[in-house]
Amino acid sequence: MGRTGRNIDRVGGPAGDPTAGEAADQEAATRHGWPLRTLRYVLPAMVVIAGLGVMALGGETDVLGGASIVSAGLAIFLANFLVRVGVAGERERDLEDAAREYFDRHGRWPS
């Protein structure tokens, strides 16, 4: 078991197959495809477009409010990006743990 309690075979496999983790990622991407893309890209884009619309159609105070809305859309995008970077780091640590366990059992580093 890895640090997160997941089965090592699913992360990198005791045979050191690095494609096993990638296959699990692709399966998750197809399973959660459109909702995930909507949350990552469409929602922030809609918020930014709404902010630009407020800025274009309003007066001086609406420009400041629209800029705040645009900032919120960019913050949503940045938060999604940072979560993805953090998850990728965790995945790499899990693969490293699986490789170390393989080395402990077999005496050689997996290819």
Protein backbone atom coordinates (compact mmCIF):
# COMPACT_ATOMS: atom_id res chain seq x y z
CA MET A 1 0.00 0.00 0.00
CA GLY A 2 1.21 3.50 -0.80
CA ARG A 3 1.24 6.51 1.44
CA THR A 4 -2.31 7.42 0.39
CA GLY A 5 -3.63 3.92 1.07
CA ARG A 6 -3.99 3.04 -2.60
CA ASN A 7 -2.83 -0.24 -4.01
CA ILE A 8 0.75 -0.05 -5.34
CA ASP A 9 -0.14 -2.18 -8.39
CA ARG A 10 -2.45 0.56 -9.59
CA VAL A 11 0.15 3.32 -9.24
CA GLY A 12 3.21 1.87 -10.88
CA GLY A 13 2.97 -1.83 -10.34
CA PRO A 14 5.50 -4.02 -8.62
CA ALA A 15 6.99 -4.76 -12.00
CA GLY A 16 7.81 -1.07 -12.31
CA ASP A 17 5.53 -0.49 -15.28
CA PRO A 18 5.24 3.31 -15.47
CA THR A 19 2.36 3.07 -17.94
CA ALA A 20 0.06 1.54 -15.31
CA GLY A 21 -0.27 4.90 -13.53
CA GLU A 22 -0.78 6.70 -16.84
CA ALA A 23 -3.53 4.26 -17.83
CA ALA A 24 -5.35 4.98 -14.57
CA ASP A 25 -5.06 8.72 -15.27
CA GLN A 26 -6.47 8.32 -18.78
CA GLU A 27 -9.34 6.21 -17.42
CA ALA A 28 -10.17 8.91 -14.87
CA ALA A 29 -10.00 11.59 -17.56
CA THR A 30 -12.49 9.77 -19.79
CA ARG A 31 -14.78 8.97 -16.85
CA HIS A 32 -14.90 12.61 -15.68
CA GLY A 33 -14.32 14.22 -19.09
CA TRP A 34 -16.86 16.95 -19.71
CA PRO A 35 -17.60 17.99 -16.08
CA LEU A 36 -13.89 18.32 -15.40
CA ARG A 37 -13.24 20.35 -18.56
CA THR A 38 -16.24 22.53 -17.71
CA LEU A 39 -14.90 23.24 -14.24
CA ARG A 40 -11.32 23.81 -15.40
CA TYR A 41 -11.86 25.92 -18.50
CA VAL A 42 -15.47 26.83 -19.29
CA LEU A 43 -16.43 28.21 -15.86
CA PRO A 44 -13.43 30.56 -15.58
CA ALA A 45 -13.88 31.66 -19.21
CA MET A 46 -17.56 32.45 -18.63
CA VAL A 47 -16.74 34.47 -15.51
CA VAL A 48 -14.04 36.43 -17.37
CA ILE A 49 -16.38 37.08 -20.31
CA ALA A 50 -19.12 38.24 -17.92
CA GLY A 51 -16.65 40.62 -16.30
CA LEU A 52 -15.58 41.99 -19.65
CA GLY A 53 -19.25 42.46 -20.55
CA VAL A 54 -19.88 44.43 -17.36
CA MET A 55 -16.83 46.56 -18.08
CA ALA A 56 -17.91 47.24 -21.67
CA LEU A 57 -21.53 48.13 -20.93
CA GLY A 58 -21.18 50.14 -17.73
CA GLY A 59 -19.85 53.38 -16.40
CA GLU A 60 -16.76 54.12 -14.34
CA THR A 61 -17.83 52.12 -11.28
CA ASP A 62 -18.88 49.21 -13.50
CA VAL A 63 -15.36 49.08 -14.91
CA LEU A 64 -13.98 48.47 -11.43
CA GLY A 65 -16.66 45.88 -10.69
CA GLY A 66 -16.02 44.16 -14.01
CA ALA A 67 -12.31 44.08 -13.28
CA SER A 68 -13.12 42.37 -9.98
CA ILE A 69 -15.23 39.78 -11.81
CA VAL A 70 -12.42 39.19 -14.33
CA SER A 71 -10.02 38.72 -11.40
CA ALA A 72 -12.38 36.16 -9.87
CA GLY A 73 -12.44 34.20 -13.14
CA LEU A 74 -8.66 34.21 -13.32
CA ALA A 75 -8.50 33.12 -9.67
CA ILE A 76 -10.77 30.14 -10.45
CA PHE A 77 -8.46 29.13 -13.30
CA LEU A 78 -5.36 29.52 -11.12
CA ALA A 79 -6.87 27.49 -8.28
CA ASN A 80 -7.68 24.66 -10.71
CA PHE A 81 -4.14 24.82 -12.10
CA LEU A 82 -2.56 24.65 -8.63
CA VAL A 83 -4.70 21.66 -7.69
CA ARG A 84 -3.58 19.86 -10.85
CA VAL A 85 0.09 20.60 -10.08
CA GLY A 86 -0.34 19.28 -6.54
CA VAL A 87 -2.01 16.09 -7.72
CA ALA A 88 0.76 15.49 -10.27
CA GLY A 89 3.36 15.78 -7.49
CA GLU A 90 1.48 13.25 -5.38
CA ARG A 91 1.31 10.86 -8.33
CA GLU A 92 5.08 11.13 -8.82
CA ARG A 93 5.68 10.40 -5.13
CA ASP A 94 3.45 7.33 -5.36
CA LEU A 95 5.40 6.07 -8.39
CA GLU A 96 8.68 6.62 -6.52
CA ASP A 97 7.34 4.68 -3.50
CA ALA A 98 6.28 1.82 -5.77
CA ALA A 99 9.72 1.74 -7.40
CA ARG A 100 11.44 1.69 -4.00
CA GLU A 101 9.26 -1.20 -2.80
CA TYR A 102 10.08 -3.08 -6.01
CA PHE A 103 13.78 -2.44 -5.39
CA ASP A 104 13.48 -3.72 -1.81
CA ARG A 105 11.81 -6.94 -2.99
CA HIS A 106 13.88 -7.69 -6.12
CA GLY A 107 17.22 -5.95 -5.57
CA ARG A 108 17.15 -3.95 -8.79
CA TRP A 109 15.56 -0.68 -9.83
CA PRO A 110 12.59 -1.07 -12.20
CA SER A 111 13.15 0.12 -15.74
